[in-house]
């Protein structure tokens, strides 16, 4: 049970990191914001324990 919490915490952290990267790229280089988008969404799904 504790390993599942740790895994979820790291997935939430990675989701937040990639969210910041995505927003930053959306502001600075709008044509390339989609590059980190799959990583952000993948970590979001993992954090929600859907996958």
Protein backbone atom coordinates (compact mmCIF):
# COMPACT_ATOMS: atom_id res chain seq x y z
CA UNK A 1 0.00 0.00 0.00
CA UNK A 2 2.81 2.41 0.85
CA UNK A 3 4.58 1.78 -2.46
CA UNK A 4 1.40 2.77 -4.29
CA UNK A 5 1.33 6.10 -2.43
CA UNK A 6 4.97 6.76 -3.30
CA UNK A 7 4.33 5.94 -6.94
CA UNK A 8 1.34 8.25 -7.00
CA UNK A 9 3.29 11.06 -5.34
CA UNK A 10 6.07 10.85 -7.91
CA UNK A 11 3.52 10.77 -10.73
CA UNK A 12 1.84 13.92 -9.33
CA UNK A 13 5.23 15.61 -9.09
CA UNK A 14 6.11 14.73 -12.68
CA UNK A 15 2.66 15.91 -13.80
CA UNK A 16 3.27 19.29 -12.16
CA UNK A 17 6.75 19.56 -13.68
CA UNK A 18 5.48 18.82 -17.18
CA UNK A 19 2.53 21.15 -16.65
CA UNK A 20 4.93 24.01 -15.94
CA UNK A 21 7.02 23.06 -18.97
CA UNK A 22 3.90 22.91 -21.17
CA UNK A 23 2.64 26.29 -19.97
CA UNK A 24 6.09 27.81 -20.39
CA UNK A 25 6.36 26.51 -23.93
CA UNK A 26 2.83 27.73 -24.65
CA UNK A 27 3.92 31.23 -23.65
CA UNK A 28 7.39 31.25 -25.24
CA UNK A 29 7.10 28.93 -28.25
CA UNK A 30 3.39 28.35 -28.94
CA UNK A 31 3.95 26.20 -32.02
CA UNK A 32 5.89 23.62 -29.94
CA UNK A 33 3.71 23.41 -26.81
CA UNK A 34 2.39 20.01 -27.90
CA UNK A 35 5.80 18.34 -27.45
CA UNK A 36 5.59 17.92 -23.62
CA UNK A 37 1.80 17.45 -23.75
CA UNK A 38 1.83 13.60 -24.02
CA UNK A 39 4.16 13.36 -21.02
CA UNK A 40 1.97 15.65 -18.95
CA UNK A 41 -1.17 13.67 -19.79
CA UNK A 42 0.51 10.30 -19.21
CA UNK A 43 1.65 11.30 -15.72
CA UNK A 44 -1.80 12.69 -14.98
CA UNK A 45 -3.39 9.37 -15.84
CA UNK A 46 -0.82 7.51 -13.72
CA UNK A 47 -1.40 9.88 -10.78
CA UNK A 48 -5.14 9.27 -10.96
CA UNK A 49 -4.46 5.49 -10.84
CA UNK A 50 -6.38 4.91 -14.06
CA UNK A 51 -3.53 3.16 -15.86
